[in-house]
Amino acid sequence: MLRIKILINSEDNERDKIDNIIYNSIIVEKVDIKYVKVKREPFEIEINAPSVTRARAIMNSYILWLYTILKSLEEVEKSG
C-alpha cells in the first residue's frame, strides 16, 4: 500500500470559507471510494492505494480537481 496526503495550507483570513468550498466540491468517485478519504478540518485528501501506478493516477486526478477549484475561486475574486 502507498499512502499519499494532499494538504492545502493558506495564510488567507478566509481559509475556513475556502476549505469548505473545496470540501463541498470534492466528490470521491465510486471507483476510488476504498482508496480515498477527504477530511474537512484540516482539509486533507488521503490516498491509500495498492500500487504506485494507482496512487499516481488518483493523486493526479485530485490535484487537477483542486487546481480547477482554486483557479475558479481566483477568477471569481478578480471579477468581483
PDB file of N, CA and C in Angstrom:
ATOM      1  N   MET A   1       0.832  -1.187   0.000  1.00  0.00           N
ATOM      2  CA  MET A   1       0.000   0.000   0.000  1.00  0.00           C
ATOM      3  C   MET A   1       0.874   1.247   0.000  1.00  0.00           C
ATOM      4  N   LEU A   2       0.494   2.211  -0.798  1.00  0.00           N
ATOM      5  CA  LEU A   2       1.179   3.502  -0.854  1.00  0.00           C
ATOM      6  C   LEU A   2       0.224   4.551  -0.299  1.00  0.00           C
ATOM      7  N   ARG A   3       0.728   5.371   0.603  1.00  0.00           N
ATOM      8  CA  ARG A   3      -0.104   6.388   1.255  1.00  0.00           C
ATOM      9  C   ARG A   3       0.369   7.775   0.842  1.00  0.00           C
ATOM     10  N   ILE A   4      -0.576   8.593   0.377  1.00  0.00           N
ATOM     11  CA  ILE A   4      -0.288   9.966  -0.050  1.00  0.00           C
ATOM     12  C   ILE A   4      -1.288  10.886   0.618  1.00  0.00           C
ATOM     13  N   LYS A   5      -0.790  12.008   1.144  1.00  0.00           N
ATOM     14  CA  LYS A   5      -1.676  13.024   1.721  1.00  0.00           C
ATOM     15  C   LYS A   5      -1.519  14.314   0.932  1.00  0.00           C
ATOM     16  N   ILE A   6      -2.641  14.924   0.614  1.00  0.00           N
ATOM     17  CA  ILE A   6      -2.646  16.214  -0.071  1.00  0.00           C
ATOM     18  C   ILE A   6      -3.269  17.210   0.895  1.00  0.00           C
ATOM     19  N   LEU A   7      -2.505  18.245   1.224  1.00  0.00           N
ATOM     20  CA  LEU A   7      -2.962  19.281   2.149  1.00  0.00           C
ATOM     21  C   LEU A   7      -2.908  20.630   1.464  1.00  0.00           C
ATOM     22  N   ILE A   8      -3.792  21.514   1.872  1.00  0.00           N
ATOM     23  CA  ILE A   8      -3.724  22.888   1.385  1.00  0.00           C
ATOM     24  C   ILE A   8      -3.578  23.782   2.607  1.00  0.00           C
ATOM     25  N   ASN A   9      -2.475  24.503   2.660  1.00  0.00           N
ATOM     26  CA  ASN A   9      -2.248  25.454   3.744  1.00  0.00           C
ATOM     27  C   ASN A   9      -2.343  26.851   3.170  1.00  0.00           C
ATOM     28  N   SER A  10      -3.121  27.673   3.844  1.00  0.00           N
ATOM     29  CA  SER A  10      -3.308  29.036   3.372  1.00  0.00           C
ATOM     30  C   SER A  10      -3.174  29.995   4.542  1.00  0.00           C
ATOM     31  N   GLU A  11      -2.553  31.111   4.289  1.00  0.00           N
ATOM     32  CA  GLU A  11      -2.434  32.164   5.297  1.00  0.00           C
ATOM     33  C   GLU A  11      -3.599  33.138   5.184  1.00  0.00           C
ATOM     34  N   ASP A  12      -4.473  32.878   4.247  1.00  0.00           N
ATOM     35  CA  ASP A  12      -5.619  33.739   3.975  1.00  0.00           C
ATOM     36  C   ASP A  12      -6.559  33.782   5.178  1.00  0.00           C
ATOM     37  N   ASN A  13      -7.122  34.958   5.440  1.00  0.00           N
ATOM     38  CA  ASN A  13      -8.038  35.088   6.566  1.00  0.00           C
ATOM     39  C   ASN A  13      -9.395  34.440   6.274  1.00  0.00           C
ATOM     40  N   GLU A  14      -9.632  34.023   5.051  1.00  0.00           N
ATOM     41  CA  GLU A  14     -10.868  33.334   4.686  1.00  0.00           C
ATOM     42  C   GLU A  14     -10.620  31.843   4.474  1.00  0.00           C
ATOM     43  N   ARG A  15      -9.644  31.307   5.146  1.00  0.00           N
ATOM     44  CA  ARG A  15      -9.251  29.916   4.944  1.00  0.00           C
ATOM     45  C   ARG A  15     -10.406  28.943   5.192  1.00  0.00           C
ATOM     46  N   ASP A  16     -11.173  29.155   6.267  1.00  0.00           N
ATOM     47  CA  ASP A  16     -12.281  28.251   6.572  1.00  0.00           C
ATOM     48  C   ASP A  16     -13.300  28.238   5.444  1.00  0.00           C
ATOM     49  N   LYS A  17     -13.567  29.408   4.895  1.00  0.00           N
ATOM     50  CA  LYS A  17     -14.521  29.512   3.780  1.00  0.00           C
ATOM     51  C   LYS A  17     -14.007  28.747   2.555  1.00  0.00           C
ATOM     52  N   ILE A  18     -12.734  28.935   2.247  1.00  0.00           N
ATOM     53  CA  ILE A  18     -12.127  28.252   1.098  1.00  0.00           C
ATOM     54  C   ILE A  18     -12.106  26.743   1.333  1.00  0.00           C
ATOM     55  N   ASP A  19     -11.716  26.329   2.543  1.00  0.00           N
ATOM     56  CA  ASP A  19     -11.704  24.902   2.864  1.00  0.00           C
ATOM     57  C   ASP A  19     -13.088  24.287   2.693  1.00  0.00           C
ATOM     58  N   ASN A  20     -14.126  24.996   3.137  1.00  0.00           N
ATOM     59  CA  ASN A  20     -15.493  24.487   2.997  1.00  0.00           C
ATOM     60  C   ASN A  20     -15.917  24.375   1.539  1.00  0.00           C
ATOM     61  N   ILE A  21     -15.572  25.370   0.747  1.00  0.00           N
ATOM     62  CA  ILE A  21     -15.907  25.317  -0.682  1.00  0.00           C
ATOM     63  C   ILE A  21     -15.221  24.125  -1.337  1.00  0.00           C
ATOM     64  N   ILE A  22     -13.945  23.942  -1.058  1.00  0.00           N
ATOM     65  CA  ILE A  22     -13.206  22.823  -1.644  1.00  0.00           C
ATOM     66  C   ILE A  22     -13.780  21.495  -1.156  1.00  0.00           C
ATOM     67  N   TYR A  23     -13.993  21.383   0.153  1.00  0.00           N
ATOM     68  CA  TYR A  23     -14.517  20.140   0.718  1.00  0.00           C
ATOM     69  C   TYR A  23     -15.866  19.777   0.080  1.00  0.00           C
ATOM     70  N   ASN A  24     -16.728  20.764  -0.081  1.00  0.00           N
ATOM     71  CA  ASN A  24     -18.051  20.512  -0.655  1.00  0.00           C
ATOM     72  C   ASN A  24     -18.009  20.283  -2.166  1.00  0.00           C
ATOM     73  N   SER A  25     -16.910  20.624  -2.796  1.00  0.00           N
ATOM     74  CA  SER A  25     -16.778  20.457  -4.246  1.00  0.00           C
ATOM     75  C   SER A  25     -16.142  19.125  -4.633  1.00  0.00           C
ATOM     76  N   ILE A  26     -15.426  18.525  -3.710  1.00  0.00           N
ATOM     77  CA  ILE A  26     -14.742  17.263  -3.999  1.00  0.00           C
ATOM     78  C   ILE A  26     -15.707  16.098  -3.774  1.00  0.00           C
ATOM     79  N   ILE A  27     -15.893  15.314  -4.784  1.00  0.00           N
ATOM     80  CA  ILE A  27     -16.734  14.125  -4.688  1.00  0.00           C
ATOM     81  C   ILE A  27     -15.844  12.914  -4.956  1.00  0.00           C
ATOM     82  N   VAL A  28     -15.783  12.030  -3.984  1.00  0.00           N
ATOM     83  CA  VAL A  28     -14.976  10.818  -4.167  1.00  0.00           C
ATOM     84  C   VAL A  28     -15.738   9.906  -5.127  1.00  0.00           C
ATOM     85  N   GLU A  29     -15.061   9.558  -6.206  1.00  0.00           N
ATOM     86  CA  GLU A  29     -15.700   8.715  -7.215  1.00  0.00           C
ATOM     87  C   GLU A  29     -15.849   7.288  -6.708  1.00  0.00           C
ATOM     88  N   LYS A  30     -16.870   6.596  -7.222  1.00  0.00           N
ATOM     89  CA  LYS A  30     -17.150   5.230  -6.774  1.00  0.00           C
ATOM     90  C   LYS A  30     -15.935   4.313  -6.870  1.00  0.00           C
ATOM     91  N   VAL A  31     -15.187   4.431  -7.952  1.00  0.00           N
ATOM     92  CA  VAL A  31     -14.029   3.539  -8.138  1.00  0.00           C
ATOM     93  C   VAL A  31     -12.913   3.831  -7.140  1.00  0.00           C
ATOM     94  N   ASP A  32     -12.911   5.044  -6.558  1.00  0.00           N
ATOM     95  CA  ASP A  32     -11.861   5.445  -5.623  1.00  0.00           C
ATOM     96  C   ASP A  32     -12.279   5.331  -4.160  1.00  0.00           C
ATOM     97  N   ILE A  33     -13.524   5.005  -3.898  1.00  0.00           N
ATOM     98  CA  ILE A  33     -14.064   5.096  -2.538  1.00  0.00           C
ATOM     99  C   ILE A  33     -13.275   4.301  -1.500  1.00  0.00           C
ATOM    100  N   LYS A  34     -12.709   3.164  -1.882  1.00  0.00           N
ATOM    101  CA  LYS A  34     -11.949   2.399  -0.897  1.00  0.00           C
ATOM    102  C   LYS A  34     -10.503   2.876  -0.758  1.00  0.00           C
ATOM    103  N   TYR A  35     -10.078   3.808  -1.613  1.00  0.00           N
ATOM    104  CA  TYR A  35      -8.707   4.310  -1.575  1.00  0.00           C
ATOM    105  C   TYR A  35      -8.583   5.755  -1.098  1.00  0.00           C
ATOM    106  N   VAL A  36      -9.686   6.522  -1.130  1.00  0.00           N
ATOM    107  CA  VAL A  36      -9.616   7.967  -0.880  1.00  0.00           C
ATOM    108  C   VAL A  36     -10.510   8.375   0.285  1.00  0.00           C
ATOM    109  N   LYS A  37      -9.941   9.215   1.164  1.00  0.00           N
ATOM    110  CA  LYS A  37     -10.708   9.826   2.251  1.00  0.00           C
ATOM    111  C   LYS A  37     -10.478  11.327   2.176  1.00  0.00           C
ATOM    112  N   VAL A  38     -11.554  12.080   2.321  1.00  0.00           N
ATOM    113  CA  VAL A  38     -11.457  13.532   2.331  1.00  0.00           C
ATOM    114  C   VAL A  38     -11.877  14.005   3.717  1.00  0.00           C
ATOM    115  N   LYS A  39     -10.998  14.754   4.357  1.00  0.00           N
ATOM    116  CA  LYS A  39     -11.270  15.266   5.702  1.00  0.00           C
ATOM    117  C   LYS A  39     -11.532  16.763   5.622  1.00  0.00           C
ATOM    118  N   ARG A  40     -12.441  17.220   6.459  1.00  0.00           N
ATOM    119  CA  ARG A  40     -12.837  18.634   6.435  1.00  0.00           C
ATOM    120  C   ARG A  40     -11.858  19.519   7.201  1.00  0.00           C
ATOM    121  N   GLU A  41     -11.529  19.181   8.441  1.00  0.00           N
ATOM    122  CA  GLU A  41     -10.704  20.058   9.262  1.00  0.00           C
ATOM    123  C   GLU A  41      -9.566  19.299   9.911  1.00  0.00           C
ATOM    124  N   PRO A  42      -8.364  19.599   9.594  1.00  0.00           N
ATOM    125  CA  PRO A  42      -7.958  20.461   8.482  1.00  0.00           C
ATOM    126  C   PRO A  42      -8.212  19.755   7.157  1.00  0.00           C
ATOM    127  N   PHE A  43      -8.407  20.542   6.116  1.00  0.00           N
ATOM    128  CA  PHE A  43      -8.714  19.945   4.817  1.00  0.00           C
ATOM    129  C   PHE A  43      -7.552  19.065   4.379  1.00  0.00           C
ATOM    130  N   GLU A  44      -7.905  17.838   3.998  1.00  0.00           N
ATOM    131  CA  GLU A  44      -6.879  16.872   3.620  1.00  0.00           C
ATOM    132  C   GLU A  44      -7.501  15.793   2.742  1.00  0.00           C
ATOM    133  N   ILE A  45      -6.766  15.393   1.736  1.00  0.00           N
ATOM    134  CA  ILE A  45      -7.153  14.241   0.931  1.00  0.00           C
ATOM    135  C   ILE A  45      -6.109  13.173   1.204  1.00  0.00           C
ATOM    136  N   GLU A  46      -6.564  12.015   1.663  1.00  0.00           N
ATOM    137  CA  GLU A  46      -5.653  10.915   1.948  1.00  0.00           C
ATOM    138  C   GLU A  46      -5.928   9.790   0.962  1.00  0.00           C
ATOM    139  N   ILE A  47      -4.866   9.349   0.304  1.00  0.00           N
ATOM    140  CA  ILE A  47      -4.963   8.276  -0.688  1.00  0.00           C
ATOM    141  C   ILE A  47      -4.157   7.089  -0.174  1.00  0.00           C
ATOM    142  N   ASN A  48      -4.797   5.947  -0.108  1.00  0.00           N
ATOM    143  CA  ASN A  48      -4.137   4.684   0.246  1.00  0.00           C
ATOM    144  C   ASN A  48      -4.380   3.734  -0.913  1.00  0.00           C
ATOM    145  N   ALA A  49      -3.412   3.601  -1.779  1.00  0.00           N
ATOM    146  CA  ALA A  49      -3.588   2.811  -2.998  1.00  0.00           C
ATOM    147  C   ALA A  49      -2.704   1.572  -2.973  1.00  0.00           C
ATOM    148  N   PRO A  50      -3.143   0.521  -3.650  1.00  0.00           N
ATOM    149  CA  PRO A  50      -2.400  -0.735  -3.634  1.00  0.00           C
ATOM    150  C   PRO A  50      -1.129  -0.747  -4.474  1.00  0.00           C
ATOM    151  N   SER A  51      -0.988   0.232  -5.371  1.00  0.00           N
ATOM    152  CA  SER A  51       0.204   0.271  -6.223  1.00  0.00           C
ATOM    153  C   SER A  51       0.598   1.715  -6.513  1.00  0.00           C
ATOM    154  N   VAL A  52       1.829   1.879  -6.932  1.00  0.00           N
ATOM    155  CA  VAL A  52       2.325   3.211  -7.286  1.00  0.00           C
ATOM    156  C   VAL A  52       1.532   3.775  -8.461  1.00  0.00           C
ATOM    157  N   THR A  53       1.236   2.953  -9.427  1.00  0.00           N
ATOM    158  CA  THR A  53       0.504   3.405 -10.615  1.00  0.00           C
ATOM    159  C   THR A  53      -0.887   3.897 -10.243  1.00  0.00           C
ATOM    160  N   ARG A  54      -1.580   3.137  -9.408  1.00  0.00           N
ATOM    161  CA  ARG A  54      -2.933   3.530  -8.986  1.00  0.00           C
ATOM    162  C   ARG A  54      -2.876   4.798  -8.140  1.00  0.00           C
ATOM    163  N   ALA A  55      -1.908   4.891  -7.237  1.00  0.00           N
ATOM    164  CA  ALA A  55      -1.750   6.081  -6.391  1.00  0.00           C
ATOM    165  C   ALA A  55      -1.484   7.324  -7.239  1.00  0.00           C
ATOM    166  N   ARG A  56      -0.620   7.184  -8.233  1.00  0.00           N
ATOM    167  CA  ARG A  56      -0.305   8.313  -9.111  1.00  0.00           C
ATOM    168  C   ARG A  56      -1.533   8.770  -9.873  1.00  0.00           C
ATOM    169  N   ALA A  57      -2.291   7.840 -10.396  1.00  0.00           N
ATOM    170  CA  ALA A  57      -3.487   8.188 -11.165  1.00  0.00           C
ATOM    171  C   ALA A  57      -4.499   8.925 -10.290  1.00  0.00           C
ATOM    172  N   ILE A  58      -4.728   8.413  -9.082  1.00  0.00           N
ATOM    173  CA  ILE A  58      -5.676   9.059  -8.165  1.00  0.00           C
ATOM    174  C   ILE A  58      -5.160  10.439  -7.760  1.00  0.00           C
ATOM    175  N   MET A  59      -3.883  10.524  -7.394  1.00  0.00           N
ATOM    176  CA  MET A  59      -3.284  11.781  -6.968  1.00  0.00           C
ATOM    177  C   MET A  59      -3.404  12.841  -8.062  1.00  0.00           C
ATOM    178  N   ASN A  60      -3.053  12.489  -9.286  1.00  0.00           N
ATOM    179  CA  ASN A  60      -3.139  13.445 -10.394  1.00  0.00           C
ATOM    180  C   ASN A  60      -4.566  13.937 -10.599  1.00  0.00           C
ATOM    181  N   SER A  61      -5.518  13.041 -10.476  1.00  0.00           N
ATOM    182  CA  SER A  61      -6.919  13.394 -10.650  1.00  0.00           C
ATOM    183  C   SER A  61      -7.359  14.431  -9.611  1.00  0.00           C
ATOM    184  N   TYR A  62      -7.014  14.193  -8.347  1.00  0.00           N
ATOM    185  CA  TYR A  62      -7.436  15.111  -7.291  1.00  0.00           C
ATOM    186  C   TYR A  62      -6.655  16.417  -7.312  1.00  0.00           C
ATOM    187  N   ILE A  63      -5.400  16.377  -7.689  1.00  0.00           N
ATOM    188  CA  ILE A  63      -4.635  17.619  -7.820  1.00  0.00           C
ATOM    189  C   ILE A  63      -5.227  18.491  -8.931  1.00  0.00           C
ATOM    190  N   LEU A  64      -5.583  17.890 -10.044  1.00  0.00           N
ATOM    191  CA  LEU A  64      -6.213  18.653 -11.125  1.00  0.00           C
ATOM    192  C   LEU A  64      -7.548  19.234 -10.671  1.00  0.00           C
ATOM    193  N   TRP A  65      -8.309  18.459  -9.943  1.00  0.00           N
ATOM    194  CA  TRP A  65      -9.591  18.926  -9.428  1.00  0.00           C
ATOM    195  C   TRP A  65      -9.383  20.122  -8.495  1.00  0.00           C
ATOM    196  N   LEU A  66      -8.426  20.010  -7.575  1.00  0.00           N
ATOM    197  CA  LEU A  66      -8.118  21.113  -6.661  1.00  0.00           C
ATOM    198  C   LEU A  66      -7.665  22.355  -7.418  1.00  0.00           C
ATOM    199  N   TYR A  67      -6.807  22.168  -8.400  1.00  0.00           N
ATOM    200  CA  TYR A  67      -6.343  23.296  -9.204  1.00  0.00           C
ATOM    201  C   TYR A  67      -7.527  24.001  -9.874  1.00  0.00           C
ATOM    202  N   THR A  68      -8.428  23.234 -10.440  1.00  0.00           N
ATOM    203  CA  THR A  68      -9.591  23.807 -11.125  1.00  0.00           C
ATOM    204  C   THR A  68     -10.451  24.612 -10.154  1.00  0.00           C
ATOM    205  N   ILE A  69     -10.685  24.087  -8.970  1.00  0.00           N
ATOM    206  CA  ILE A  69     -11.490  24.788  -7.966  1.00  0.00           C
ATOM    207  C   ILE A  69     -10.799  26.079  -7.538  1.00  0.00           C
ATOM    208  N   LEU A  70      -9.504  25.992  -7.206  1.00  0.00           N
ATOM    209  CA  LEU A  70      -8.766  27.171  -6.749  1.00  0.00           C
ATOM    210  C   LEU A  70      -8.666  28.236  -7.834  1.00  0.00           C
ATOM    211  N   LYS A  71      -8.442  27.810  -9.065  1.00  0.00           N
ATOM    212  CA  LYS A  71      -8.359  28.760 -10.177  1.00  0.00           C
ATOM    213  C   LYS A  71      -9.708  29.443 -10.390  1.00  0.00           C
ATOM    214  N   SER A  72     -10.792  28.705 -10.283  1.00  0.00           N
ATOM    215  CA  SER A  72     -12.131  29.284 -10.426  1.00  0.00           C
ATOM    216  C   SER A  72     -12.396  30.301  -9.323  1.00  0.00           C
ATOM    217  N   LEU A  73     -12.013  29.978  -8.094  1.00  0.00           N
ATOM    218  CA  LEU A  73     -12.184  30.931  -6.988  1.00  0.00           C
ATOM    219  C   LEU A  73     -11.370  32.196  -7.216  1.00  0.00           C
ATOM    220  N   GLU A  74     -10.169  32.031  -7.745  1.00  0.00           N
ATOM    221  CA  GLU A  74      -9.316  33.188  -8.035  1.00  0.00           C
ATOM    222  C   GLU A  74      -9.961  34.081  -9.106  1.00  0.00           C
ATOM    223  N   GLU A  75     -10.509  33.473 -10.144  1.00  0.00           N
ATOM    224  CA  GLU A  75     -11.158  34.240 -11.209  1.00  0.00           C
ATOM    225  C   GLU A  75     -12.398  34.983 -10.700  1.00  0.00           C
ATOM    226  N   VAL A  76     -13.175  34.337  -9.850  1.00  0.00           N
ATOM    227  CA  VAL A  76     -14.351  34.979  -9.266  1.00  0.00           C
ATOM    228  C   VAL A  76     -13.931  36.158  -8.411  1.00  0.00           C
ATOM    229  N   GLU A  77     -12.871  35.974  -7.623  1.00  0.00           N
ATOM    230  CA  GLU A  77     -12.378  37.054  -6.769  1.00  0.00           C
ATOM    231  C   GLU A  77     -11.902  38.239  -7.600  1.00  0.00           C
ATOM    232  N   LYS A  78     -11.215  37.973  -8.703  1.00  0.00           N
ATOM    233  CA  LYS A  78     -10.716  39.043  -9.570  1.00  0.00           C
ATOM    234  C   LYS A  78     -11.859  39.833 -10.199  1.00  0.00           C
ATOM    235  N   SER A  79     -12.925  39.138 -10.571  1.00  0.00           N
ATOM    236  CA  SER A  79     -14.007  39.800 -11.297  1.00  0.00           C
ATOM    237  C   SER A  79     -14.986  40.540 -10.383  1.00  0.00           C
ATOM    238  N   GLY A  80     -14.915  40.263  -9.097  1.00  0.00           N
ATOM    239  CA  GLY A  80     -15.941  40.915  -8.353  1.00  0.00           C
ATOM    240  C   GLY A  80     -15.741  41.332  -7.026  1.00  0.00           C
TER     241      GLY A  80
END
